[in-house]
């Protein structure tokens, strides 16, 4: 799992250090939801949610984010 976390943290530094909420899917996959906060150029805080779907072997299948 730590390898997956590192890949997410590298791609989305806004969620760096945050532990995800795990949701087991009926098809055996797992959804990890990371929540963090970024800042715009104006200094306004922007919430960031990163969703990562992994298979049973720990391979990342899909990574999506909110803006």
C-alpha atoms as a PDB file:
ATOM      1  CA  UNK A   1       0.000   0.000   0.000  1.00  0.00           C
ATOM      2  CA  UNK A   2       2.825   2.415   0.746  1.00  0.00           C
ATOM      3  CA  UNK A   3       3.907   2.306  -2.913  1.00  0.00           C
ATOM      4  CA  UNK A   4       0.420   3.339  -4.003  1.00  0.00           C
ATOM      5  CA  UNK A   5       0.359   6.163  -1.467  1.00  0.00           C
ATOM      6  CA  UNK A   6       3.730   7.441  -2.724  1.00  0.00           C
ATOM      7  CA  UNK A   7       2.519   7.465  -6.338  1.00  0.00           C
ATOM      8  CA  UNK A   8      -0.578   9.446  -5.344  1.00  0.00           C
ATOM      9  CA  UNK A   9       1.435  11.881  -3.193  1.00  0.00           C
ATOM     10  CA  UNK A  10       3.905  12.491  -6.042  1.00  0.00           C
ATOM     11  CA  UNK A  11       1.166  13.178  -8.568  1.00  0.00           C
ATOM     12  CA  UNK A  12      -1.084  15.160  -6.202  1.00  0.00           C
ATOM     13  CA  UNK A  13       0.981  16.889  -3.489  1.00  0.00           C
ATOM     14  CA  UNK A  14      -2.181  18.515  -2.086  1.00  0.00           C
ATOM     15  CA  UNK A  15      -3.087  15.196  -0.427  1.00  0.00           C
ATOM     16  CA  UNK A  16       0.463  14.356   0.666  1.00  0.00           C
ATOM     17  CA  UNK A  17       0.545  12.683   4.069  1.00  0.00           C
ATOM     18  CA  UNK A  18      -3.213  12.082   4.164  1.00  0.00           C
ATOM     19  CA  UNK A  19      -4.422   8.538   4.720  1.00  0.00           C
ATOM     20  CA  UNK A  20      -7.269   7.444   2.439  1.00  0.00           C
ATOM     21  CA  UNK A  21     -10.686   6.075   3.261  1.00  0.00           C
ATOM     22  CA  UNK A  22     -10.983   2.534   1.847  1.00  0.00           C
ATOM     23  CA  UNK A  23     -14.122   1.259   0.167  1.00  0.00           C
ATOM     24  CA  UNK A  24     -14.235  -2.391  -0.925  1.00  0.00           C
ATOM     25  CA  UNK A  25     -16.060  -2.840  -4.227  1.00  0.00           C
ATOM     26  CA  UNK A  26     -18.277  -5.871  -5.013  1.00  0.00           C
ATOM     27  CA  UNK A  27     -16.006  -6.913  -7.915  1.00  0.00           C
ATOM     28  CA  UNK A  28     -12.993  -7.335  -5.614  1.00  0.00           C
ATOM     29  CA  UNK A  29     -11.460  -3.950  -6.396  1.00  0.00           C
ATOM     30  CA  UNK A  30     -10.761  -1.317  -3.760  1.00  0.00           C
ATOM     31  CA  UNK A  31     -11.498   2.398  -3.950  1.00  0.00           C
ATOM     32  CA  UNK A  32      -9.181   4.717  -2.018  1.00  0.00           C
ATOM     33  CA  UNK A  33     -10.399   8.272  -1.403  1.00  0.00           C
ATOM     34  CA  UNK A  34      -7.784  10.867  -0.436  1.00  0.00           C
ATOM     35  CA  UNK A  35      -8.923  14.308   0.735  1.00  0.00           C
ATOM     36  CA  UNK A  36      -6.685  17.347   0.899  1.00  0.00           C
ATOM     37  CA  UNK A  37      -6.512  21.044   0.237  1.00  0.00           C
ATOM     38  CA  UNK A  38      -4.646  23.150  -2.293  1.00  0.00           C
ATOM     39  CA  UNK A  39      -4.325  26.884  -2.782  1.00  0.00           C
ATOM     40  CA  UNK A  40      -5.078  28.967  -5.836  1.00  0.00           C
ATOM     41  CA  UNK A  41      -2.800  31.751  -7.042  1.00  0.00           C
ATOM     42  CA  UNK A  42      -5.018  34.157  -5.038  1.00  0.00           C
ATOM     43  CA  UNK A  43      -4.372  32.180  -1.858  1.00  0.00           C
ATOM     44  CA  UNK A  44      -7.912  30.784  -1.759  1.00  0.00           C
ATOM     45  CA  UNK A  45      -8.123  27.243  -0.349  1.00  0.00           C
ATOM     46  CA  UNK A  46      -9.448  24.661  -2.783  1.00  0.00           C
ATOM     47  CA  UNK A  47     -10.551  21.217  -1.585  1.00  0.00           C
ATOM     48  CA  UNK A  48      -9.027  18.313  -3.527  1.00  0.00           C
ATOM     49  CA  UNK A  49     -10.401  14.764  -3.637  1.00  0.00           C
ATOM     50  CA  UNK A  50      -8.369  12.022  -5.321  1.00  0.00           C
ATOM     51  CA  UNK A  51     -10.053   8.687  -6.059  1.00  0.00           C
ATOM     52  CA  UNK A  52      -7.861   5.670  -6.817  1.00  0.00           C
ATOM     53  CA  UNK A  53      -9.182   2.260  -7.901  1.00  0.00           C
ATOM     54  CA  UNK A  54      -6.827  -0.669  -7.317  1.00  0.00           C
ATOM     55  CA  UNK A  55      -7.175  -4.371  -8.080  1.00  0.00           C
ATOM     56  CA  UNK A  56      -6.617  -7.304  -5.718  1.00  0.00           C
ATOM     57  CA  UNK A  57      -2.880  -7.302  -6.510  1.00  0.00           C
ATOM     58  CA  UNK A  58      -2.427  -3.631  -5.600  1.00  0.00           C
ATOM     59  CA  UNK A  59      -2.146  -2.373  -9.177  1.00  0.00           C
ATOM     60  CA  UNK A  60      -3.591   1.092  -9.855  1.00  0.00           C
ATOM     61  CA  UNK A  61      -6.367   0.806 -12.426  1.00  0.00           C
ATOM     62  CA  UNK A  62      -7.688   4.370 -12.409  1.00  0.00           C
ATOM     63  CA  UNK A  63      -6.846   7.662 -10.724  1.00  0.00           C
ATOM     64  CA  UNK A  64      -9.224  10.637 -10.849  1.00  0.00           C
ATOM     65  CA  UNK A  65      -9.373  13.959  -9.070  1.00  0.00           C
ATOM     66  CA  UNK A  66     -11.727  16.847  -8.420  1.00  0.00           C
ATOM     67  CA  UNK A  67     -10.830  20.417  -9.226  1.00  0.00           C
END
